[in-house]
Amino acid sequence: MEPNSASSGGSWVWPVAIIVGMVVVMAVNGAFIYIAVSGADEVVESYESGER
């Protein structure tokens, strides 16, 4: 009997869970970026080219 025979059936669960979790995190980050960029206020010209 092999030592890994009992756990080989569920060995795919953790890698899939990690990949799904990373995809969810990337989707949430993408949503935050989209919201931040689409709702950003315009920068007035005096701020961009004002005296330093």
Protein backbone atom coordinates (compact mmCIF):
# COMPACT_ATOMS: atom_id res chain seq x y z
CA MET A 1 0.00 0.00 0.00
CA GLU A 2 1.40 3.38 -0.99
CA PRO A 3 1.65 6.12 1.64
CA ASN A 4 0.05 8.70 -0.67
CA SER A 5 -2.83 6.50 -1.83
CA ALA A 6 -5.25 7.80 0.82
CA SER A 7 -4.65 11.48 0.11
CA SER A 8 -4.25 11.31 -3.67
CA GLY A 9 -8.00 11.59 -4.22
CA GLY A 10 -8.24 15.06 -2.71
CA SER A 11 -4.85 16.40 -3.73
CA TRP A 12 -6.42 18.65 -6.36
CA VAL A 13 -8.65 20.55 -3.90
CA TRP A 14 -6.06 22.93 -2.43
CA PRO A 15 -4.43 24.03 -5.70
CA VAL A 16 -7.86 24.70 -7.21
CA ALA A 17 -8.97 26.60 -4.10
CA ILE A 18 -5.82 28.73 -4.18
CA ILE A 19 -6.26 29.51 -7.88
CA VAL A 20 -9.95 30.39 -7.39
CA GLY A 21 -9.03 32.61 -4.44
CA MET A 22 -6.37 34.42 -6.46
CA VAL A 23 -8.84 34.98 -9.32
CA VAL A 24 -11.38 36.44 -6.87
CA VAL A 25 -8.73 38.76 -5.38
CA MET A 26 -7.67 39.91 -8.86
CA ALA A 27 -11.32 40.54 -9.84
CA VAL A 28 -11.94 42.64 -6.72
CA ASN A 29 -8.72 44.60 -7.32
CA GLY A 30 -9.76 45.18 -10.93
CA ALA A 31 -13.16 46.42 -9.79
CA PHE A 32 -11.55 48.85 -7.34
CA ILE A 33 -9.21 50.13 -10.06
CA TYR A 34 -12.11 50.60 -12.48
CA ILE A 35 -14.18 52.47 -9.87
CA ALA A 36 -11.23 54.68 -8.91
CA VAL A 37 -10.33 55.56 -12.50
CA SER A 38 -13.88 56.04 -13.78
CA GLY A 39 -14.96 58.16 -10.82
CA ALA A 40 -11.83 60.29 -10.57
CA ASP A 41 -12.23 64.04 -10.53
CA GLU A 42 -10.52 66.09 -13.21
CA VAL A 43 -7.36 67.89 -12.20
CA VAL A 44 -7.64 71.62 -12.78
CA GLU A 45 -5.10 73.21 -15.12
CA SER A 46 -3.74 75.56 -12.47
CA TYR A 47 -2.70 72.57 -10.37
CA GLU A 48 -0.99 70.81 -13.26
CA SER A 49 0.96 73.81 -14.57
CA GLY A 50 1.16 76.07 -11.53
CA GLU A 51 4.31 77.59 -10.14
CA ARG A 52 6.47 75.27 -8.12
